[in-house]
Amino acid sequence: AASGSIVSINALGWYRQAPGKERELVARITSGGGLDYADSVKGR
């Protein structure tokens, strides 16, 4: 949940980071409803 004096949200997303690994994009959704998923999580 985002709080504050928000005018608009352009995009929202989730990243993850496992120990010893780089942070990676998991999923993203744009203001227009566009979706983007990492290959490893597609369908799940």
PDB file of all heavy atoms in Angstrom:
ATOM      1  N   ALA A   1       0.831  -1.194   0.000  1.00  0.00           N
ATOM      2  CA  ALA A   1       0.000   0.000   0.000  1.00  0.00           C
ATOM      3  C   ALA A   1       0.869   1.248   0.000  1.00  0.00           C
ATOM      4  O   ALA A   1       1.793   1.372   0.810  1.00  0.00           O
ATOM      5  CB  ALA A   1      -0.932   0.005   1.203  1.00  0.00           C
ATOM      6  N   ALA A   2       0.567   2.163  -0.896  1.00  0.00           N
ATOM      7  CA  ALA A   2       1.278   3.430  -0.991  1.00  0.00           C
ATOM      8  C   ALA A   2       0.460   4.532  -0.324  1.00  0.00           C
ATOM      9  O   ALA A   2      -0.751   4.623  -0.517  1.00  0.00           O
ATOM     10  CB  ALA A   2       1.549   3.791  -2.444  1.00  0.00           C
ATOM     11  N   SER A   3       1.128   5.369   0.453  1.00  0.00           N
ATOM     12  CA  SER A   3       0.455   6.472   1.122  1.00  0.00           C
ATOM     13  C   SER A   3       1.265   7.749   0.948  1.00  0.00           C
ATOM     14  O   SER A   3       2.471   7.713   0.720  1.00  0.00           O
ATOM     15  CB  SER A   3       0.249   6.177   2.604  1.00  0.00           C
ATOM     16  OG  SER A   3       1.495   6.007   3.267  1.00  0.00           O
ATOM     17  N   GLY A   4       0.593   8.887   1.085  1.00  0.00           N
ATOM     18  CA  GLY A   4       1.228  10.176   0.919  1.00  0.00           C
ATOM     19  C   GLY A   4       0.443  11.049  -0.033  1.00  0.00           C
ATOM     20  O   GLY A   4      -0.674  10.719  -0.423  1.00  0.00           O
ATOM     21  N   SER A   5       1.030  12.171  -0.401  1.00  0.00           N
ATOM     22  CA  SER A   5       0.377  13.119  -1.306  1.00  0.00           C
ATOM     23  C   SER A   5       0.568  12.681  -2.753  1.00  0.00           C
ATOM     24  O   SER A   5       1.214  13.362  -3.552  1.00  0.00           O
ATOM     25  CB  SER A   5       0.929  14.521  -1.077  1.00  0.00           C
ATOM     26  OG  SER A   5       0.708  14.959   0.251  1.00  0.00           O
ATOM     27  N   ILE A   6      -0.009  11.564  -3.089  1.00  0.00           N
ATOM     28  CA  ILE A   6       0.171  10.956  -4.404  1.00  0.00           C
ATOM     29  C   ILE A   6      -0.775  11.597  -5.410  1.00  0.00           C
ATOM     30  O   ILE A   6      -1.975  11.687  -5.176  1.00  0.00           O
ATOM     31  CB  ILE A   6      -0.053   9.446  -4.340  1.00  0.00           C
ATOM     32  CG1 ILE A   6       0.964   8.807  -3.391  1.00  0.00           C
ATOM     33  CG2 ILE A   6       0.050   8.830  -5.733  1.00  0.00           C
ATOM     34  CD1 ILE A   6       0.696   7.354  -3.098  1.00  0.00           C
ATOM     35  N   VAL A   7      -0.215  12.001  -6.533  1.00  0.00           N
ATOM     36  CA  VAL A   7      -1.004  12.558  -7.624  1.00  0.00           C
ATOM     37  C   VAL A   7      -1.424  11.455  -8.580  1.00  0.00           C
ATOM     38  O   VAL A   7      -2.587  11.370  -8.977  1.00  0.00           O
ATOM     39  CB  VAL A   7      -0.225  13.654  -8.371  1.00  0.00           C
ATOM     40  CG1 VAL A   7      -1.032  14.164  -9.562  1.00  0.00           C
ATOM     41  CG2 VAL A   7       0.116  14.798  -7.433  1.00  0.00           C
ATOM     42  N   SER A   8      -0.487  10.611  -8.957  1.00  0.00           N
ATOM     43  CA  SER A   8      -0.769   9.496  -9.838  1.00  0.00           C
ATOM     44  C   SER A   8       0.324   8.451  -9.693  1.00  0.00           C
ATOM     45  O   SER A   8       1.453   8.765  -9.327  1.00  0.00           O
ATOM     46  CB  SER A   8      -0.877   9.955 -11.299  1.00  0.00           C
ATOM     47  OG  SER A   8       0.354  10.481 -11.750  1.00  0.00           O
ATOM     48  N   ILE A   9      -0.024   7.214  -9.999  1.00  0.00           N
ATOM     49  CA  ILE A   9       0.936   6.113  -9.978  1.00  0.00           C
ATOM     50  C   ILE A   9       1.176   5.667 -11.411  1.00  0.00           C
ATOM     51  O   ILE A   9       0.242   5.272 -12.109  1.00  0.00           O
ATOM     52  CB  ILE A   9       0.431   4.947  -9.122  1.00  0.00           C
ATOM     53  CG1 ILE A   9       0.263   5.400  -7.672  1.00  0.00           C
ATOM     54  CG2 ILE A   9       1.396   3.768  -9.215  1.00  0.00           C
ATOM     55  CD1 ILE A   9      -0.276   4.329  -6.751  1.00  0.00           C
ATOM     56  N   ASN A  10       2.421   5.722 -11.833  1.00  0.00           N
ATOM     57  CA  ASN A  10       2.766   5.387 -13.207  1.00  0.00           C
ATOM     58  C   ASN A  10       2.969   3.885 -13.399  1.00  0.00           C
ATOM     59  O   ASN A  10       2.571   3.326 -14.423  1.00  0.00           O
ATOM     60  CB  ASN A  10       4.022   6.144 -13.629  1.00  0.00           C
ATOM     61  CG  ASN A  10       3.871   7.641 -13.452  1.00  0.00           C
ATOM     62  OD1 ASN A  10       2.934   8.251 -13.953  1.00  0.00           O
ATOM     63  ND2 ASN A  10       4.798   8.246 -12.709  1.00  0.00           N
ATOM     64  N   ALA A  11       3.598   3.253 -12.421  1.00  0.00           N
ATOM     65  CA  ALA A  11       3.838   1.825 -12.507  1.00  0.00           C
ATOM     66  C   ALA A  11       4.080   1.268 -11.118  1.00  0.00           C
ATOM     67  O   ALA A  11       4.596   1.956 -10.240  1.00  0.00           O
ATOM     68  CB  ALA A  11       5.028   1.512 -13.415  1.00  0.00           C
ATOM     69  N   LEU A  12       3.719   0.005 -10.933  1.00  0.00           N
ATOM     70  CA  LEU A  12       3.941  -0.708  -9.685  1.00  0.00           C
ATOM     71  C   LEU A  12       4.603  -2.040 -10.005  1.00  0.00           C
ATOM     72  O   LEU A  12       4.310  -2.642 -11.034  1.00  0.00           O
ATOM     73  CB  LEU A  12       2.625  -0.950  -8.946  1.00  0.00           C
ATOM     74  CG  LEU A  12       1.882   0.286  -8.445  1.00  0.00           C
ATOM     75  CD1 LEU A  12       0.436  -0.065  -8.132  1.00  0.00           C
ATOM     76  CD2 LEU A  12       2.575   0.851  -7.216  1.00  0.00           C
ATOM     77  N   GLY A  13       5.477  -2.480  -9.126  1.00  0.00           N
ATOM     78  CA  GLY A  13       6.159  -3.729  -9.399  1.00  0.00           C
ATOM     79  C   GLY A  13       6.667  -4.426  -8.160  1.00  0.00           C
ATOM     80  O   GLY A  13       6.659  -3.876  -7.057  1.00  0.00           O
ATOM     81  N   TRP A  14       7.085  -5.660  -8.374  1.00  0.00           N
ATOM     82  CA  TRP A  14       7.680  -6.477  -7.330  1.00  0.00           C
ATOM     83  C   TRP A  14       9.032  -6.987  -7.799  1.00  0.00           C
ATOM     84  O   TRP A  14       9.159  -7.496  -8.921  1.00  0.00           O
ATOM     85  CB  TRP A  14       6.787  -7.669  -6.975  1.00  0.00           C
ATOM     86  CG  TRP A  14       5.517  -7.300  -6.284  1.00  0.00           C
ATOM     87  CD1 TRP A  14       4.310  -7.071  -6.861  1.00  0.00           C
ATOM     88  CD2 TRP A  14       5.341  -7.125  -4.874  1.00  0.00           C
ATOM     89  NE1 TRP A  14       3.377  -6.766  -5.895  1.00  0.00           N
ATOM     90  CE2 TRP A  14       3.980  -6.792  -4.675  1.00  0.00           C
ATOM     91  CE3 TRP A  14       6.182  -7.219  -3.773  1.00  0.00           C
ATOM     92  CZ2 TRP A  14       3.456  -6.550  -3.400  1.00  0.00           C
ATOM     93  CZ3 TRP A  14       5.669  -6.977  -2.511  1.00  0.00           C
ATOM     94  CH2 TRP A  14       4.316  -6.645  -2.335  1.00  0.00           C
ATOM     95  N   TYR A  15      10.027  -6.827  -6.959  1.00  0.00           N
ATOM     96  CA  TYR A  15      11.344  -7.395  -7.165  1.00  0.00           C
ATOM     97  C   TYR A  15      11.618  -8.398  -6.049  1.00  0.00           C
ATOM     98  O   TYR A  15      10.959  -8.381  -5.014  1.00  0.00           O
ATOM     99  CB  TYR A  15      12.424  -6.311  -7.155  1.00  0.00           C
ATOM    100  CG  TYR A  15      12.486  -5.453  -8.396  1.00  0.00           C
ATOM    101  CD1 TYR A  15      11.521  -4.483  -8.648  1.00  0.00           C
ATOM    102  CD2 TYR A  15      13.524  -5.604  -9.317  1.00  0.00           C
ATOM    103  CE1 TYR A  15      11.581  -3.693  -9.784  1.00  0.00           C
ATOM    104  CE2 TYR A  15      13.593  -4.815 -10.454  1.00  0.00           C
ATOM    105  CZ  TYR A  15      12.619  -3.858 -10.677  1.00  0.00           C
ATOM    106  OH  TYR A  15      12.683  -3.071 -11.803  1.00  0.00           O
ATOM    107  N   ARG A  16      12.601  -9.248  -6.257  1.00  0.00           N
ATOM    108  CA  ARG A  16      13.011 -10.155  -5.196  1.00  0.00           C
ATOM    109  C   ARG A  16      14.520 -10.330  -5.218  1.00  0.00           C
ATOM    110  O   ARG A  16      15.167 -10.167  -6.249  1.00  0.00           O
ATOM    111  CB  ARG A  16      12.316 -11.513  -5.324  1.00  0.00           C
ATOM    112  CG  ARG A  16      12.725 -12.338  -6.543  1.00  0.00           C
ATOM    113  CD  ARG A  16      11.893 -13.605  -6.618  1.00  0.00           C
ATOM    114  NE  ARG A  16      12.256 -14.440  -7.755  1.00  0.00           N
ATOM    115  CZ  ARG A  16      11.586 -15.528  -8.120  1.00  0.00           C
ATOM    116  NH1 ARG A  16      10.521 -15.916  -7.439  1.00  0.00           N
ATOM    117  NH2 ARG A  16      11.994 -16.234  -9.176  1.00  0.00           N
ATOM    118  N   GLN A  17      15.056 -10.665  -4.059  1.00  0.00           N
ATOM    119  CA  GLN A  17      16.484 -10.882  -3.928  1.00  0.00           C
ATOM    120  C   GLN A  17      16.741 -12.033  -2.967  1.00  0.00           C
ATOM    121  O   GLN A  17      16.334 -11.986  -1.802  1.00  0.00           O
ATOM    122  CB  GLN A  17      17.184  -9.616  -3.435  1.00  0.00           C
ATOM    123  CG  GLN A  17      18.699  -9.718  -3.436  1.00  0.00           C
ATOM    124  CD  GLN A  17      19.367  -8.385  -3.195  1.00  0.00           C
ATOM    125  OE1 GLN A  17      18.800  -7.494  -2.569  1.00  0.00           O
ATOM    126  NE2 GLN A  17      20.583  -8.240  -3.698  1.00  0.00           N
ATOM    127  N   ALA A  18      17.413 -13.052  -3.460  1.00  0.00           N
ATOM    128  CA  ALA A  18      17.813 -14.191  -2.651  1.00  0.00           C
ATOM    129  C   ALA A  18      19.242 -13.975  -2.163  1.00  0.00           C
ATOM    130  O   ALA A  18      20.012 -13.220  -2.771  1.00  0.00           O
ATOM    131  CB  ALA A  18      17.711 -15.481  -3.457  1.00  0.00           C
ATOM    132  N   PRO A  19      19.639 -14.625  -1.065  1.00  0.00           N
ATOM    133  CA  PRO A  19      21.004 -14.462  -0.547  1.00  0.00           C
ATOM    134  C   PRO A  19      22.059 -14.773  -1.599  1.00  0.00           C
ATOM    135  O   PRO A  19      22.003 -15.807  -2.263  1.00  0.00           O
ATOM    136  CB  PRO A  19      21.061 -15.459   0.609  1.00  0.00           C
ATOM    137  CG  PRO A  19      19.645 -15.583   1.061  1.00  0.00           C
ATOM    138  CD  PRO A  19      18.832 -15.503  -0.203  1.00  0.00           C
ATOM    139  N   GLY A  20      23.007 -13.867  -1.766  1.00  0.00           N
ATOM    140  CA  GLY A  20      24.086 -14.065  -2.714  1.00  0.00           C
ATOM    141  C   GLY A  20      23.719 -13.829  -4.160  1.00  0.00           C
ATOM    142  O   GLY A  20      24.555 -14.065  -5.044  1.00  0.00           O
ATOM    143  N   LYS A  21      22.510 -13.386  -4.428  1.00  0.00           N
ATOM    144  CA  LYS A  21      22.069 -13.158  -5.794  1.00  0.00           C
ATOM    145  C   LYS A  21      21.665 -11.699  -6.001  1.00  0.00           C
ATOM    146  O   LYS A  21      21.415 -10.967  -5.044  1.00  0.00           O
ATOM    147  CB  LYS A  21      20.895 -14.076  -6.144  1.00  0.00           C
ATOM    148  CG  LYS A  21      21.231 -15.563  -6.110  1.00  0.00           C
ATOM    149  CD  LYS A  21      20.050 -16.401  -6.544  1.00  0.00           C
ATOM    150  CE  LYS A  21      20.388 -17.876  -6.546  1.00  0.00           C
ATOM    151  NZ  LYS A  21      19.228 -18.706  -6.977  1.00  0.00           N
ATOM    152  N   GLU A  22      21.601 -11.307  -7.265  1.00  0.00           N
ATOM    153  CA  GLU A  22      21.190  -9.957  -7.609  1.00  0.00           C
ATOM    154  C   GLU A  22      19.677  -9.816  -7.503  1.00  0.00           C
ATOM    155  O   GLU A  22      18.932 -10.782  -7.671  1.00  0.00           O
ATOM    156  CB  GLU A  22      21.647  -9.607  -9.023  1.00  0.00           C
ATOM    157  CG  GLU A  22      23.156  -9.587  -9.217  1.00  0.00           C
ATOM    158  CD  GLU A  22      23.817  -8.460  -8.468  1.00  0.00           C
ATOM    159  OE1 GLU A  22      23.195  -7.384  -8.335  1.00  0.00           O
ATOM    160  OE2 GLU A  22      24.953  -8.640  -8.011  1.00  0.00           O
ATOM    161  N   ARG A  23      19.247  -8.611  -7.238  1.00  0.00           N
ATOM    162  CA  ARG A  23      17.825  -8.332  -7.218  1.00  0.00           C
ATOM    163  C   ARG A  23      17.264  -8.436  -8.638  1.00  0.00           C
ATOM    164  O   ARG A  23      17.862  -7.930  -9.590  1.00  0.00           O
ATOM    165  CB  ARG A  23      17.566  -6.941  -6.640  1.00  0.00           C
ATOM    166  CG  ARG A  23      16.103  -6.584  -6.495  1.00  0.00           C
ATOM    167  CD  ARG A  23      15.916  -5.230  -5.825  1.00  0.00           C
ATOM    168  NE  ARG A  23      16.440  -5.212  -4.471  1.00  0.00           N
ATOM    169  CZ  ARG A  23      16.321  -4.176  -3.646  1.00  0.00           C
ATOM    170  NH1 ARG A  23      15.693  -3.083  -4.036  1.00  0.00           N
ATOM    171  NH2 ARG A  23      16.839  -4.249  -2.426  1.00  0.00           N
ATOM    172  N   GLU A  24      16.117  -9.084  -8.790  1.00  0.00           N
ATOM    173  CA  GLU A  24      15.525  -9.290 -10.092  1.00  0.00           C
ATOM    174  C   GLU A  24      14.063  -8.876 -10.107  1.00  0.00           C
ATOM    175  O   GLU A  24      13.369  -8.953  -9.095  1.00  0.00           O
ATOM    176  CB  GLU A  24      15.641 -10.762 -10.518  1.00  0.00           C
ATOM    177  CG  GLU A  24      14.859 -11.723  -9.638  1.00  0.00           C
ATOM    178  CD  GLU A  24      14.841 -13.141 -10.170  1.00  0.00           C
ATOM    179  OE1 GLU A  24      15.143 -13.344 -11.365  1.00  0.00           O
ATOM    180  OE2 GLU A  24      14.521 -14.067  -9.389  1.00  0.00           O
ATOM    181  N   LEU A  25      13.610  -8.449 -11.270  1.00  0.00           N
ATOM    182  CA  LEU A  25      12.211  -8.089 -11.449  1.00  0.00           C
ATOM    183  C   LEU A  25      11.360  -9.349 -11.473  1.00  0.00           C
ATOM    184  O   LEU A  25      11.652 -10.290 -12.204  1.00  0.00           O
ATOM    185  CB  LEU A  25      12.025  -7.305 -12.742  1.00  0.00           C
ATOM    186  CG  LEU A  25      10.576  -6.973 -13.122  1.00  0.00           C
ATOM    187  CD1 LEU A  25       9.984  -5.969 -12.136  1.00  0.00           C
ATOM    188  CD2 LEU A  25      10.493  -6.436 -14.548  1.00  0.00           C
ATOM    189  N   VAL A  26      10.296  -9.354 -10.684  1.00  0.00           N
ATOM    190  CA  VAL A  26       9.353 -10.461 -10.655  1.00  0.00           C
ATOM    191  C   VAL A  26       8.142 -10.154 -11.522  1.00  0.00           C
ATOM    192  O   VAL A  26       7.746 -10.951 -12.367  1.00  0.00           O
ATOM    193  CB  VAL A  26       8.900 -10.775  -9.220  1.00  0.00           C
ATOM    194  CG1 VAL A  26       7.860 -11.890  -9.216  1.00  0.00           C
ATOM    195  CG2 VAL A  26      10.095 -11.160  -8.361  1.00  0.00           C
ATOM    196  N   ALA A  27       7.542  -8.995 -11.307  1.00  0.00           N
ATOM    197  CA  ALA A  27       6.349  -8.615 -12.046  1.00  0.00           C
ATOM    198  C   ALA A  27       6.176  -7.104 -11.999  1.00  0.00           C
ATOM    199  O   ALA A  27       6.606  -6.451 -11.057  1.00  0.00           O
ATOM    200  CB  ALA A  27       5.105  -9.300 -11.480  1.00  0.00           C
ATOM    201  N   ARG A  28       5.522  -6.576 -13.022  1.00  0.00           N
ATOM    202  CA  ARG A  28       5.290  -5.143 -13.101  1.00  0.00           C
ATOM    203  C   ARG A  28       3.953  -4.881 -13.765  1.00  0.00           C
ATOM    204  O   ARG A  28       3.553  -5.609 -14.678  1.00  0.00           O
ATOM    205  CB  ARG A  28       6.411  -4.456 -13.890  1.00  0.00           C
ATOM    206  CG  ARG A  28       6.316  -2.944 -13.947  1.00  0.00           C
ATOM    207  CD  ARG A  28       7.486  -2.365 -14.706  1.00  0.00           C
ATOM    208  NE  ARG A  28       7.465  -2.756 -16.112  1.00  0.00           N
ATOM    209  CZ  ARG A  28       7.683  -1.947 -17.138  1.00  0.00           C
ATOM    210  NH1 ARG A  28       7.949  -0.658 -16.905  1.00  0.00           N
ATOM    211  NH2 ARG A  28       7.660  -2.397 -18.367  1.00  0.00           N
ATOM    212  N   ILE A  29       3.266  -3.836 -13.316  1.00  0.00           N
ATOM    213  CA  ILE A  29       2.015  -3.419 -13.923  1.00  0.00           C
ATOM    214  C   ILE A  29       2.066  -1.914 -14.116  1.00  0.00           C
ATOM    215  O   ILE A  29       2.423  -1.164 -13.212  1.00  0.00           O
ATOM    216  CB  ILE A  29       0.802  -3.849 -13.071  1.00  0.00           C
ATOM    217  CG1 ILE A  29      -0.509  -3.480 -13.777  1.00  0.00           C
ATOM    218  CG2 ILE A  29       0.854  -3.249 -11.673  1.00  0.00           C
ATOM    219  CD1 ILE A  29      -1.730  -4.113 -13.133  1.00  0.00           C
ATOM    220  N   THR A  30       1.709  -1.445 -15.316  1.00  0.00           N
ATOM    221  CA  THR A  30       1.749  -0.031 -15.637  1.00  0.00           C
ATOM    222  C   THR A  30       0.402   0.615 -15.361  1.00  0.00           C
ATOM    223  O   THR A  30      -0.587  -0.058 -15.071  1.00  0.00           O
ATOM    224  CB  THR A  30       2.135   0.190 -17.103  1.00  0.00           C
ATOM    225  OG1 THR A  30       1.095  -0.311 -17.952  1.00  0.00           O
ATOM    226  CG2 THR A  30       3.436  -0.525 -17.435  1.00  0.00           C
ATOM    227  N   SER A  31       0.376   1.938 -15.469  1.00  0.00           N
ATOM    228  CA  SER A  31      -0.859   2.677 -15.231  1.00  0.00           C
ATOM    229  C   SER A  31      -1.954   2.288 -16.209  1.00  0.00           C
ATOM    230  O   SER A  31      -3.139   2.367 -15.874  1.00  0.00           O
ATOM    231  CB  SER A  31      -0.602   4.183 -15.308  1.00  0.00           C
ATOM    232  OG  SER A  31      -0.106   4.553 -16.581  1.00  0.00           O
ATOM    233  N   GLY A  32      -1.568   1.867 -17.410  1.00  0.00           N
ATOM    234  CA  GLY A  32      -2.527   1.445 -18.411  1.00  0.00           C
ATOM    235  C   GLY A  32      -2.934  -0.012 -18.315  1.00  0.00           C
ATOM    236  O   GLY A  32      -3.717  -0.488 -19.136  1.00  0.00           O
ATOM    237  N   GLY A  33      -2.400  -0.718 -17.337  1.00  0.00           N
ATOM    238  CA  GLY A  33      -2.749  -2.117 -17.143  1.00  0.00           C
ATOM    239  C   GLY A  33      -1.826  -3.104 -17.820  1.00  0.00           C
ATOM    240  O   GLY A  33      -2.096  -4.312 -17.808  1.00  0.00           O
ATOM    241  N   GLY A  34      -0.741  -2.628 -18.417  1.00  0.00           N
ATOM    242  CA  GLY A  34       0.216  -3.523 -19.034  1.00  0.00           C
ATOM    243  C   GLY A  34       0.929  -4.372 -18.003  1.00  0.00           C
ATOM    244  O   GLY A  34       1.242  -3.911 -16.909  1.00  0.00           O
ATOM    245  N   LEU A  35       1.207  -5.626 -18.358  1.00  0.00           N
ATOM    246  CA  LEU A  35       1.806  -6.578 -17.432  1.00  0.00           C
ATOM    247  C   LEU A  35       3.139  -7.093 -17.959  1.00  0.00           C
ATOM    248  O   LEU A  35       3.315  -7.264 -19.160  1.00  0.00           O
ATOM    249  CB  LEU A  35       0.865  -7.754 -17.192  1.00  0.00           C
ATOM    250  CG  LEU A  35      -0.544  -7.423 -16.686  1.00  0.00           C
ATOM    251  CD1 LEU A  35      -1.392  -8.686 -16.648  1.00  0.00           C
ATOM    252  CD2 LEU A  35      -0.477  -6.774 -15.314  1.00  0.00           C
ATOM    253  N   ASP A  36       4.041  -7.356 -17.041  1.00  0.00           N
ATOM    254  CA  ASP A  36       5.345  -7.903 -17.384  1.00  0.00           C
ATOM    255  C   ASP A  36       5.767  -8.850 -16.272  1.00  0.00           C
ATOM    256  O   ASP A  36       5.757  -8.469 -15.097  1.00  0.00           O
ATOM    257  CB  ASP A  36       6.365  -6.782 -17.561  1.00  0.00           C
ATOM    258  CG  ASP A  36       7.676  -7.266 -18.148  1.00  0.00           C
ATOM    259  OD1 ASP A  36       7.693  -8.344 -18.764  1.00  0.00           O
ATOM    260  OD2 ASP A  36       8.687  -6.545 -18.004  1.00  0.00           O
ATOM    261  N   TYR A  37       6.144 -10.087 -16.633  1.00  0.00           N
ATOM    262  CA  TYR A  37       6.537 -11.095 -15.658  1.00  0.00           C
ATOM    263  C   TYR A  37       7.894 -11.676 -16.004  1.00  0.00           C
ATOM    264  O   TYR A  37       8.261 -11.801 -17.177  1.00  0.00           O
ATOM    265  CB  TYR A  37       5.533 -12.241 -15.609  1.00  0.00           C
ATOM    266  CG  TYR A  37       4.163 -11.885 -15.092  1.00  0.00           C
ATOM    267  CD1 TYR A  37       3.126 -11.593 -15.963  1.00  0.00           C
ATOM    268  CD2 TYR A  37       3.906 -11.869 -13.728  1.00  0.00           C
ATOM    269  CE1 TYR A  37       1.862 -11.284 -15.493  1.00  0.00           C
ATOM    270  CE2 TYR A  37       2.645 -11.557 -13.247  1.00  0.00           C
ATOM    271  CZ  TYR A  37       1.626 -11.266 -14.136  1.00  0.00           C
ATOM    272  OH  TYR A  37       0.369 -10.963 -13.662  1.00  0.00           O
ATOM    273  N   ALA A  38       8.621 -12.061 -14.979  1.00  0.00           N
ATOM    274  CA  ALA A  38       9.820 -12.836 -15.198  1.00  0.00           C
ATOM    275  C   ALA A  38       9.439 -14.211 -15.738  1.00  0.00           C
ATOM    276  O   ALA A  38       8.398 -14.761 -15.371  1.00  0.00           O
ATOM    277  CB  ALA A  38      10.603 -12.991 -13.897  1.00  0.00           C
ATOM    278  N   ASP A  39      10.273 -14.761 -16.611  1.00  0.00           N
ATOM    279  CA  ASP A  39       9.968 -16.062 -17.204  1.00  0.00           C
ATOM    280  C   ASP A  39       9.776 -17.142 -16.137  1.00  0.00           C
ATOM    281  O   ASP A  39       8.958 -18.054 -16.302  1.00  0.00           O
ATOM    282  CB  ASP A  39      11.080 -16.482 -18.160  1.00  0.00           C
ATOM    283  CG  ASP A  39      11.103 -15.652 -19.424  1.00  0.00           C
ATOM    284  OD1 ASP A  39      10.072 -15.037 -19.765  1.00  0.00           O
ATOM    285  OD2 ASP A  39      12.158 -15.622 -20.089  1.00  0.00           O
ATOM    286  N   SER A  40      10.501 -17.045 -15.052  1.00  0.00           N
ATOM    287  CA  SER A  40      10.462 -18.067 -14.021  1.00  0.00           C
ATOM    288  C   SER A  40       9.148 -18.110 -13.241  1.00  0.00           C
ATOM    289  O   SER A  40       8.872 -19.097 -12.558  1.00  0.00           O
ATOM    290  CB  SER A  40      11.621 -17.867 -13.035  1.00  0.00           C
ATOM    291  OG  SER A  40      11.545 -16.600 -12.412  1.00  0.00           O
ATOM    292  N   VAL A  41       8.334 -17.058 -13.342  1.00  0.00           N
ATOM    293  CA  VAL A  41       7.085 -17.013 -12.575  1.00  0.00           C
ATOM    294  C   VAL A  41       5.846 -16.983 -13.455  1.00  0.00           C
ATOM    295  O   VAL A  41       4.725 -17.015 -12.923  1.00  0.00           O
ATOM    296  CB  VAL A  41       7.059 -15.814 -11.610  1.00  0.00           C
ATOM    297  CG1 VAL A  41       8.297 -15.808 -10.732  1.00  0.00           C
ATOM    298  CG2 VAL A  41       6.933 -14.502 -12.372  1.00  0.00           C
ATOM    299  N   LYS A  42       6.011 -16.936 -14.757  1.00  0.00           N
ATOM    300  CA  LYS A  42       4.863 -16.890 -15.658  1.00  0.00           C
ATOM    301  C   LYS A  42       3.981 -18.123 -15.470  1.00  0.00           C
ATOM    302  O   LYS A  42       4.464 -19.245 -15.406  1.00  0.00           O
ATOM    303  CB  LYS A  42       5.328 -16.800 -17.106  1.00  0.00           C
ATOM    304  CG  LYS A  42       5.911 -15.454 -17.482  1.00  0.00           C
ATOM    305  CD  LYS A  42       6.343 -15.416 -18.948  1.00  0.00           C
ATOM    306  CE  LYS A  42       6.896 -14.051 -19.324  1.00  0.00           C
ATOM    307  NZ  LYS A  42       7.372 -14.019 -20.732  1.00  0.00           N
ATOM    308  N   GLY A  43       2.688 -17.882 -15.382  1.00  0.00           N
ATOM    309  CA  GLY A  43       1.738 -18.958 -15.177  1.00  0.00           C
ATOM    310  C   GLY A  43       1.513 -19.303 -13.729  1.00  0.00           C
ATOM    311  O   GLY A  43       0.580 -20.054 -13.411  1.00  0.00           O
ATOM    312  N   ARG A  44       2.338 -18.777 -12.831  1.00  0.00           N
ATOM    313  CA  ARG A  44       2.202 -19.066 -11.403  1.00  0.00           C
ATOM    314  C   ARG A  44       1.877 -17.818 -10.578  1.00  0.00           C
ATOM    315  O   ARG A  44       1.136 -17.908  -9.602  1.00  0.00           O
ATOM    316  CB  ARG A  44       3.483 -19.696 -10.854  1.00  0.00           C
ATOM    317  CG  ARG A  44       3.846 -21.021 -11.522  1.00  0.00           C
ATOM    318  CD  ARG A  44       5.021 -21.701 -10.810  1.00  0.00           C
ATOM    319  NE  ARG A  44       6.243 -20.896 -10.872  1.00  0.00           N
ATOM    320  CZ  ARG A  44       6.881 -20.425  -9.809  1.00  0.00           C
ATOM    321  NH1 ARG A  44       6.418 -20.684  -8.591  1.00  0.00           N
ATOM    322  NH2 ARG A  44       7.995 -19.712  -9.949  1.00  0.00           N
TER     323      ARG A  44
END
